[in-house]
Amino acid sequence: MSLTLTDIYLGLGGKRVPPDLVALPVSEFVIDSRQVKPGGCFIALPGERADGHDFIPDALARGAAAVIAHRVPAGVQAQVIPIDGPA
């Protein structure tokens, strides 16, 4: 099954697709930034020992096409699918 960022955004409850969200296909989803492959989507999750949001730059450097996150570190330029709730 092939999904685009738009599909993911709408699937997570987004009502209107932001104009800057590209309909880019995503090859896979990972929660460990070390496992990101080009074209994948990194899901930044807060954890007990580490916060995935701190690894967004690493995931992007490894070729992540997009990030699903509660927040994005300042200065990071990426296709971000925002999610609500505590981070």
N, C-alpha and C. Protein backbone atom coordinates (compact mmCIF):
# COMPACT_ATOMS: atom_id res chain seq x y z
N MET A 1 0.84 -1.17 0.00
CA MET A 1 0.00 0.00 0.00
C MET A 1 0.89 1.24 0.00
N SER A 2 0.60 2.14 -0.88
CA SER A 2 1.36 3.38 -0.97
C SER A 2 0.54 4.53 -0.42
N LEU A 3 1.13 5.28 0.50
CA LEU A 3 0.46 6.44 1.09
C LEU A 3 1.22 7.70 0.76
N THR A 4 0.50 8.79 0.69
CA THR A 4 1.14 10.10 0.53
C THR A 4 1.02 10.86 1.84
N LEU A 5 1.76 11.95 1.96
CA LEU A 5 1.66 12.78 3.15
C LEU A 5 0.24 13.29 3.34
N THR A 6 -0.43 13.60 2.25
CA THR A 6 -1.82 14.06 2.33
C THR A 6 -2.71 12.96 2.91
N ASP A 7 -2.54 11.72 2.46
CA ASP A 7 -3.31 10.59 3.00
C ASP A 7 -3.10 10.46 4.51
N ILE A 8 -1.85 10.58 4.93
CA ILE A 8 -1.51 10.44 6.34
C ILE A 8 -2.16 11.55 7.15
N TYR A 9 -2.04 12.78 6.66
CA TYR A 9 -2.61 13.93 7.35
C TYR A 9 -4.12 13.75 7.54
N LEU A 10 -4.81 13.38 6.49
CA LEU A 10 -6.26 13.19 6.57
C LEU A 10 -6.60 12.00 7.47
N GLY A 11 -5.79 10.96 7.43
CA GLY A 11 -6.01 9.78 8.26
C GLY A 11 -5.84 10.06 9.75
N LEU A 12 -5.03 11.06 10.07
CA LEU A 12 -4.81 11.44 11.47
C LEU A 12 -5.84 12.46 11.95
N GLY A 13 -6.84 12.71 11.13
CA GLY A 13 -7.91 13.60 11.56
C GLY A 13 -7.82 15.02 11.06
N GLY A 14 -6.85 15.31 10.20
CA GLY A 14 -6.75 16.65 9.64
C GLY A 14 -7.98 16.97 8.81
N LYS A 15 -8.46 18.18 8.93
CA LYS A 15 -9.67 18.58 8.21
C LYS A 15 -9.36 19.19 6.85
N ARG A 16 -8.44 20.13 6.84
CA ARG A 16 -8.06 20.80 5.59
C ARG A 16 -6.56 20.66 5.43
N VAL A 17 -6.15 20.15 4.31
CA VAL A 17 -4.73 19.92 4.06
C VAL A 17 -4.01 21.26 3.95
N PRO A 18 -2.95 21.46 4.77
CA PRO A 18 -2.18 22.70 4.66
C PRO A 18 -1.60 22.83 3.26
N PRO A 19 -1.59 24.05 2.70
CA PRO A 19 -1.10 24.23 1.33
C PRO A 19 0.36 23.85 1.14
N ASP A 20 1.15 23.89 2.21
CA ASP A 20 2.57 23.56 2.08
C ASP A 20 2.85 22.06 2.22
N LEU A 21 1.82 21.26 2.49
CA LEU A 21 2.01 19.82 2.62
C LEU A 21 1.99 19.18 1.24
N VAL A 22 3.10 18.61 0.87
CA VAL A 22 3.26 18.03 -0.46
C VAL A 22 2.63 16.63 -0.50
N ALA A 23 2.04 16.28 -1.62
CA ALA A 23 1.45 14.94 -1.79
C ALA A 23 2.55 13.95 -2.14
N LEU A 24 3.56 13.89 -1.31
CA LEU A 24 4.74 13.05 -1.52
C LEU A 24 4.48 11.63 -1.04
N PRO A 25 4.84 10.61 -1.82
CA PRO A 25 4.66 9.24 -1.34
C PRO A 25 5.66 8.92 -0.22
N VAL A 26 5.20 8.11 0.72
CA VAL A 26 6.04 7.70 1.85
C VAL A 26 6.25 6.20 1.76
N SER A 27 7.50 5.77 1.90
CA SER A 27 7.83 4.35 1.71
C SER A 27 7.66 3.51 2.97
N GLU A 28 7.91 4.09 4.14
CA GLU A 28 7.81 3.33 5.39
C GLU A 28 7.69 4.28 6.57
N PHE A 29 7.33 3.74 7.73
CA PHE A 29 7.20 4.52 8.95
C PHE A 29 8.11 3.92 10.00
N VAL A 30 8.87 4.77 10.69
CA VAL A 30 9.76 4.28 11.75
C VAL A 30 9.70 5.21 12.95
N ILE A 31 9.99 4.66 14.13
CA ILE A 31 10.05 5.48 15.34
C ILE A 31 11.48 5.60 15.86
N ASP A 32 12.41 4.94 15.22
CA ASP A 32 13.83 5.01 15.59
C ASP A 32 14.56 5.75 14.46
N SER A 33 15.08 6.92 14.77
CA SER A 33 15.71 7.75 13.72
C SER A 33 16.87 7.04 13.04
N ARG A 34 17.49 6.07 13.72
CA ARG A 34 18.61 5.34 13.12
C ARG A 34 18.16 4.37 12.03
N GLN A 35 16.86 4.09 11.99
CA GLN A 35 16.32 3.17 10.99
C GLN A 35 15.70 3.87 9.79
N VAL A 36 15.74 5.19 9.78
CA VAL A 36 15.15 5.94 8.67
C VAL A 36 15.92 5.67 7.38
N LYS A 37 15.16 5.45 6.31
CA LYS A 37 15.73 5.30 4.97
C LYS A 37 15.15 6.42 4.11
N PRO A 38 15.84 6.79 3.05
CA PRO A 38 15.31 7.85 2.18
C PRO A 38 13.87 7.54 1.74
N GLY A 39 13.02 8.55 1.89
CA GLY A 39 11.62 8.41 1.51
C GLY A 39 10.72 7.94 2.63
N GLY A 40 11.31 7.65 3.79
CA GLY A 40 10.52 7.18 4.93
C GLY A 40 9.93 8.33 5.73
N CYS A 41 9.10 7.97 6.69
CA CYS A 41 8.47 8.95 7.57
C CYS A 41 8.86 8.61 9.01
N PHE A 42 9.43 9.58 9.71
CA PHE A 42 9.84 9.41 11.09
C PHE A 42 8.72 9.88 12.00
N ILE A 43 8.32 9.03 12.93
CA ILE A 43 7.30 9.38 13.91
C ILE A 43 8.01 9.69 15.22
N ALA A 44 7.97 10.96 15.63
CA ALA A 44 8.67 11.40 16.84
C ALA A 44 7.78 11.18 18.05
N LEU A 45 8.16 10.24 18.89
CA LEU A 45 7.39 9.93 20.09
C LEU A 45 8.19 10.25 21.34
N PRO A 46 7.53 10.80 22.36
CA PRO A 46 8.22 10.99 23.63
C PRO A 46 8.34 9.64 24.34
N GLY A 47 9.48 9.41 24.98
CA GLY A 47 9.68 8.16 25.69
C GLY A 47 10.16 8.39 27.10
N GLU A 48 10.37 7.32 27.83
CA GLU A 48 10.84 7.43 29.21
C GLU A 48 12.29 7.88 29.29
N ARG A 49 13.11 7.41 28.37
CA ARG A 49 14.54 7.73 28.40
C ARG A 49 14.96 8.77 27.38
N ALA A 50 14.21 8.88 26.30
CA ALA A 50 14.57 9.83 25.24
C ALA A 50 13.29 10.35 24.59
N ASP A 51 13.39 11.54 24.03
CA ASP A 51 12.27 12.15 23.34
C ASP A 51 12.56 12.13 21.85
N GLY A 52 11.74 11.44 21.08
CA GLY A 52 11.94 11.34 19.64
C GLY A 52 12.03 12.68 18.94
N HIS A 53 11.44 13.71 19.53
CA HIS A 53 11.49 15.04 18.92
C HIS A 53 12.93 15.55 18.83
N ASP A 54 13.78 15.11 19.76
CA ASP A 54 15.19 15.52 19.75
C ASP A 54 15.95 14.90 18.58
N PHE A 55 15.40 13.86 17.97
CA PHE A 55 16.08 13.15 16.89
C PHE A 55 15.54 13.48 15.50
N ILE A 56 14.66 14.47 15.44
CA ILE A 56 14.12 14.87 14.14
C ILE A 56 15.24 15.29 13.18
N PRO A 57 16.20 16.12 13.60
CA PRO A 57 17.28 16.48 12.67
C PRO A 57 18.05 15.25 12.15
N ASP A 58 18.28 14.26 13.02
CA ASP A 58 18.98 13.04 12.59
C ASP A 58 18.17 12.28 11.55
N ALA A 59 16.86 12.17 11.78
CA ALA A 59 16.00 11.46 10.83
C ALA A 59 16.01 12.15 9.47
N LEU A 60 15.96 13.46 9.48
CA LEU A 60 15.98 14.21 8.22
C LEU A 60 17.32 14.05 7.51
N ALA A 61 18.40 14.02 8.28
CA ALA A 61 19.73 13.83 7.69
C ALA A 61 19.85 12.46 7.03
N ARG A 62 19.10 11.49 7.52
CA ARG A 62 19.12 10.14 6.95
C ARG A 62 18.16 9.99 5.77
N GLY A 63 17.44 11.06 5.45
CA GLY A 63 16.60 11.04 4.26
C GLY A 63 15.10 10.96 4.49
N ALA A 64 14.66 11.17 5.73
CA ALA A 64 13.21 11.13 5.98
C ALA A 64 12.50 12.14 5.08
N ALA A 65 11.43 11.69 4.45
CA ALA A 65 10.64 12.57 3.58
C ALA A 65 9.72 13.45 4.41
N ALA A 66 9.37 12.96 5.61
CA ALA A 66 8.44 13.70 6.45
C ALA A 66 8.59 13.26 7.90
N VAL A 67 7.97 14.04 8.77
CA VAL A 67 7.99 13.76 10.20
C VAL A 67 6.57 13.91 10.73
N ILE A 68 6.17 13.00 11.58
CA ILE A 68 4.92 13.15 12.33
C ILE A 68 5.35 13.49 13.75
N ALA A 69 4.90 14.65 14.25
CA ALA A 69 5.40 15.12 15.54
C ALA A 69 4.42 16.06 16.22
N HIS A 70 4.57 16.15 17.55
CA HIS A 70 3.82 17.13 18.33
C HIS A 70 4.42 18.52 18.15
N ARG A 71 5.73 18.55 18.00
CA ARG A 71 6.45 19.83 17.85
C ARG A 71 7.71 19.58 17.03
N VAL A 72 8.25 20.65 16.48
CA VAL A 72 9.46 20.55 15.67
C VAL A 72 10.49 21.52 16.25
N PRO A 73 11.73 21.07 16.43
CA PRO A 73 12.77 21.97 16.94
C PRO A 73 12.92 23.20 16.05
N ALA A 74 13.23 24.31 16.68
CA ALA A 74 13.43 25.56 15.94
C ALA A 74 14.49 25.39 14.87
N GLY A 75 14.25 25.97 13.72
CA GLY A 75 15.22 25.96 12.64
C GLY A 75 15.16 24.74 11.74
N VAL A 76 14.33 23.76 12.08
CA VAL A 76 14.23 22.55 11.27
C VAL A 76 13.25 22.79 10.13
N GLN A 77 13.70 22.54 8.92
CA GLN A 77 12.86 22.67 7.73
C GLN A 77 12.49 21.27 7.27
N ALA A 78 11.21 20.95 7.34
CA ALA A 78 10.78 19.61 6.96
C ALA A 78 9.29 19.60 6.66
N GLN A 79 8.86 18.56 5.95
CA GLN A 79 7.43 18.31 5.79
C GLN A 79 6.98 17.68 7.11
N VAL A 80 6.19 18.43 7.87
CA VAL A 80 5.77 17.97 9.19
C VAL A 80 4.26 17.78 9.21
N ILE A 81 3.85 16.63 9.70
CA ILE A 81 2.44 16.37 9.93
C ILE A 81 2.23 16.56 11.42
N PRO A 82 1.56 17.64 11.81
CA PRO A 82 1.39 17.92 13.23
C PRO A 82 0.32 17.04 13.86
N ILE A 83 0.56 16.63 15.10
CA ILE A 83 -0.46 15.91 15.85
C ILE A 83 -0.66 16.63 17.17
N ASP A 84 -1.87 16.61 17.65
CA ASP A 84 -2.20 17.26 18.91
C ASP A 84 -2.00 16.30 20.07
N GLY A 85 -2.01 16.87 21.26
CA GLY A 85 -1.89 16.06 22.46
C GLY A 85 -0.58 16.34 23.16
N PRO A 86 -0.42 15.77 24.34
CA PRO A 86 0.81 16.00 25.10
C PRO A 86 2.02 15.39 24.41
N ALA A 87 3.11 16.12 24.47
CA ALA A 87 4.34 15.61 23.85
C ALA A 87 5.31 15.21 24.91
